[in-house]
């Protein structure tokens, strides 16, 4: 019985660590994607612009995938929702569609509020 409890506790601790790492990754990926949109917006080189838009979009898609698997505190959800909204707007300003296929439509940020 004691060994089972230890194994359960160890599993729970590992799950918490995994979730923490996932949330930290989401935050970092959002920051990177927002930076990519900034570079895309300010560059004069079309190849640099296109590459950075693609990188921002890839970051957005990755964040959406990991959000579905994450357990966020209220504060984390608010912080991430704000960043997702900012990223979606930046992607839309660059003429790219978000998941609904329309530039500028709120997507992942709206889902965090549910």
C-alpha atoms as a PDB file:
ATOM      1  CA  UNK A   1       0.000   0.000   0.000  1.00  0.00           C
ATOM      2  CA  UNK A   2       2.829   2.407   0.884  1.00  0.00           C
ATOM      3  CA  UNK A   3       4.647   1.644  -2.364  1.00  0.00           C
ATOM      4  CA  UNK A   4       1.489   2.295  -4.356  1.00  0.00           C
ATOM      5  CA  UNK A   5       1.073   5.664  -2.644  1.00  0.00           C
ATOM      6  CA  UNK A   6       4.717   6.550  -3.332  1.00  0.00           C
ATOM      7  CA  UNK A   7       4.280   5.624  -6.982  1.00  0.00           C
ATOM      8  CA  UNK A   8       1.090   7.681  -7.190  1.00  0.00           C
ATOM      9  CA  UNK A   9       2.806  10.661  -5.545  1.00  0.00           C
ATOM     10  CA  UNK A  10       5.772  10.326  -7.896  1.00  0.00           C
ATOM     11  CA  UNK A  11       3.441  10.199 -10.887  1.00  0.00           C
ATOM     12  CA  UNK A  12       1.571  13.274  -9.653  1.00  0.00           C
ATOM     13  CA  UNK A  13       4.836  15.180  -9.107  1.00  0.00           C
ATOM     14  CA  UNK A  14       6.035  14.241 -12.566  1.00  0.00           C
ATOM     15  CA  UNK A  15       2.730  15.370 -14.100  1.00  0.00           C
ATOM     16  CA  UNK A  16       3.015  18.711 -12.281  1.00  0.00           C
ATOM     17  CA  UNK A  17       6.586  19.181 -13.542  1.00  0.00           C
ATOM     18  CA  UNK A  18       5.521  18.332 -17.082  1.00  0.00           C
ATOM     19  CA  UNK A  19       2.659  20.822 -16.911  1.00  0.00           C
ATOM     20  CA  UNK A  20       4.976  23.528 -15.522  1.00  0.00           C
ATOM     21  CA  UNK A  21       7.461  22.916 -18.350  1.00  0.00           C
ATOM     22  CA  UNK A  22       4.620  23.023 -20.896  1.00  0.00           C
ATOM     23  CA  UNK A  23       3.305  26.346 -19.536  1.00  0.00           C
ATOM     24  CA  UNK A  24       6.802  27.849 -19.523  1.00  0.00           C
ATOM     25  CA  UNK A  25       7.306  26.663 -23.098  1.00  0.00           C
ATOM     26  CA  UNK A  26       3.998  28.237 -24.171  1.00  0.00           C
ATOM     27  CA  UNK A  27       5.025  31.578 -22.687  1.00  0.00           C
ATOM     28  CA  UNK A  28       8.449  31.477 -24.339  1.00  0.00           C
ATOM     29  CA  UNK A  29       7.020  30.412 -27.681  1.00  0.00           C
ATOM     30  CA  UNK A  30       4.484  33.239 -27.564  1.00  0.00           C
ATOM     31  CA  UNK A  31       7.228  35.769 -26.854  1.00  0.00           C
ATOM     32  CA  UNK A  32       9.310  34.420 -29.729  1.00  0.00           C
ATOM     33  CA  UNK A  33       6.347  34.443 -32.133  1.00  0.00           C
ATOM     34  CA  UNK A  34       5.507  38.036 -31.184  1.00  0.00           C
ATOM     35  CA  UNK A  35       9.147  38.970 -31.837  1.00  0.00           C
ATOM     36  CA  UNK A  36       8.954  37.287 -35.258  1.00  0.00           C
ATOM     37  CA  UNK A  37       5.927  39.426 -36.156  1.00  0.00           C
ATOM     38  CA  UNK A  38       7.810  42.544 -35.106  1.00  0.00           C
ATOM     39  CA  UNK A  39      10.762  41.626 -37.316  1.00  0.00           C
ATOM     40  CA  UNK A  40       8.419  40.802 -40.203  1.00  0.00           C
ATOM     41  CA  UNK A  41       6.673  44.152 -39.817  1.00  0.00           C
ATOM     42  CA  UNK A  42       9.887  46.208 -39.806  1.00  0.00           C
ATOM     43  CA  UNK A  43      12.082  44.479 -42.389  1.00  0.00           C
ATOM     44  CA  UNK A  44      12.384  45.651 -45.960  1.00  0.00           C
ATOM     45  CA  UNK A  45      13.558  42.277 -47.232  1.00  0.00           C
ATOM     46  CA  UNK A  46      10.633  40.203 -48.562  1.00  0.00           C
ATOM     47  CA  UNK A  47      12.373  36.891 -47.793  1.00  0.00           C
ATOM     48  CA  UNK A  48      13.030  37.933 -44.196  1.00  0.00           C
ATOM     49  CA  UNK A  49       9.428  39.091 -43.890  1.00  0.00           C
ATOM     50  CA  UNK A  50       8.018  35.844 -45.243  1.00  0.00           C
ATOM     51  CA  UNK A  51      10.331  33.683 -43.102  1.00  0.00           C
ATOM     52  CA  UNK A  52       9.410  35.570 -39.934  1.00  0.00           C
ATOM     53  CA  UNK A  53       5.696  35.425 -40.706  1.00  0.00           C
ATOM     54  CA  UNK A  54       6.041  31.661 -41.185  1.00  0.00           C
ATOM     55  CA  UNK A  55       7.945  31.373 -37.899  1.00  0.00           C
ATOM     56  CA  UNK A  56       5.310  33.421 -36.059  1.00  0.00           C
ATOM     57  CA  UNK A  57       2.554  31.281 -37.530  1.00  0.00           C
ATOM     58  CA  UNK A  58       4.384  28.092 -36.567  1.00  0.00           C
ATOM     59  CA  UNK A  59       4.729  29.411 -33.016  1.00  0.00           C
ATOM     60  CA  UNK A  60       1.024  30.267 -32.917  1.00  0.00           C
ATOM     61  CA  UNK A  61       0.050  26.799 -34.112  1.00  0.00           C
ATOM     62  CA  UNK A  62       2.389  25.165 -31.581  1.00  0.00           C
ATOM     63  CA  UNK A  63       0.957  27.237 -28.736  1.00  0.00           C
ATOM     64  CA  UNK A  64      -2.588  26.255 -29.701  1.00  0.00           C
ATOM     65  CA  UNK A  65      -1.634  22.576 -29.662  1.00  0.00           C
ATOM     66  CA  UNK A  66       0.034  22.758 -26.232  1.00  0.00           C
ATOM     67  CA  UNK A  67      -2.692  24.921 -24.699  1.00  0.00           C
ATOM     68  CA  UNK A  68      -5.166  22.087 -25.122  1.00  0.00           C
ATOM     69  CA  UNK A  69      -2.935  19.872 -22.962  1.00  0.00           C
ATOM     70  CA  UNK A  70      -2.128  22.413 -20.245  1.00  0.00           C
ATOM     71  CA  UNK A  71      -3.571  23.067 -16.826  1.00  0.00           C
ATOM     72  CA  UNK A  72      -3.339  26.837 -16.322  1.00  0.00           C
ATOM     73  CA  UNK A  73      -3.895  28.905 -13.230  1.00  0.00           C
ATOM     74  CA  UNK A  74      -6.210  31.884 -13.607  1.00  0.00           C
ATOM     75  CA  UNK A  75      -3.223  34.242 -13.755  1.00  0.00           C
ATOM     76  CA  UNK A  76      -1.446  32.114 -16.338  1.00  0.00           C
ATOM     77  CA  UNK A  77      -4.593  31.886 -18.446  1.00  0.00           C
ATOM     78  CA  UNK A  78      -5.004  35.679 -18.390  1.00  0.00           C
ATOM     79  CA  UNK A  79      -1.349  36.309 -19.230  1.00  0.00           C
ATOM     80  CA  UNK A  80      -1.339  33.772 -22.048  1.00  0.00           C
ATOM     81  CA  UNK A  81      -4.709  34.950 -23.360  1.00  0.00           C
ATOM     82  CA  UNK A  82      -3.388  38.514 -23.590  1.00  0.00           C
ATOM     83  CA  UNK A  83      -0.307  37.355 -25.483  1.00  0.00           C
ATOM     84  CA  UNK A  84      -2.333  35.132 -27.814  1.00  0.00           C
ATOM     85  CA  UNK A  85      -4.629  38.070 -28.594  1.00  0.00           C
ATOM     86  CA  UNK A  86      -1.599  40.252 -29.316  1.00  0.00           C
ATOM     87  CA  UNK A  87      -0.072  37.559 -31.528  1.00  0.00           C
ATOM     88  CA  UNK A  88      -3.315  36.968 -33.429  1.00  0.00           C
ATOM     89  CA  UNK A  89      -3.621  40.707 -34.099  1.00  0.00           C
ATOM     90  CA  UNK A  90      -0.007  40.916 -35.224  1.00  0.00           C
ATOM     91  CA  UNK A  91      -0.432  37.941 -37.553  1.00  0.00           C
ATOM     92  CA  UNK A  92      -3.615  39.467 -38.967  1.00  0.00           C
ATOM     93  CA  UNK A  93      -1.864  42.827 -39.472  1.00  0.00           C
ATOM     94  CA  UNK A  94       0.665  40.980 -41.598  1.00  0.00           C
ATOM     95  CA  UNK A  95      -2.160  39.642 -43.766  1.00  0.00           C
ATOM     96  CA  UNK A  96      -2.125  36.108 -42.403  1.00  0.00           C
ATOM     97  CA  UNK A  97      -5.171  34.160 -41.328  1.00  0.00           C
ATOM     98  CA  UNK A  98      -5.433  32.533 -37.932  1.00  0.00           C
ATOM     99  CA  UNK A  99      -7.190  29.193 -37.398  1.00  0.00           C
ATOM    100  CA  UNK A 100     -10.648  30.293 -38.484  1.00  0.00           C
ATOM    101  CA  UNK A 101      -9.184  31.261 -41.831  1.00  0.00           C
ATOM    102  CA  UNK A 102      -9.895  34.960 -41.436  1.00  0.00           C
ATOM    103  CA  UNK A 103      -7.256  37.532 -40.523  1.00  0.00           C
ATOM    104  CA  UNK A 104      -7.853  39.099 -37.158  1.00  0.00           C
ATOM    105  CA  UNK A 105     -10.544  36.823 -35.770  1.00  0.00           C
ATOM    106  CA  UNK A 106      -9.996  35.947 -32.115  1.00  0.00           C
ATOM    107  CA  UNK A 107      -9.247  32.269 -31.802  1.00  0.00           C
ATOM    108  CA  UNK A 108      -7.127  30.728 -29.074  1.00  0.00           C
ATOM    109  CA  UNK A 109      -7.511  33.667 -26.706  1.00  0.00           C
ATOM    110  CA  UNK A 110     -11.284  33.278 -26.767  1.00  0.00           C
ATOM    111  CA  UNK A 111     -10.940  29.591 -25.932  1.00  0.00           C
ATOM    112  CA  UNK A 112      -8.905  30.390 -22.808  1.00  0.00           C
ATOM    113  CA  UNK A 113     -11.812  32.339 -21.373  1.00  0.00           C
ATOM    114  CA  UNK A 114     -14.111  29.306 -21.404  1.00  0.00           C
END
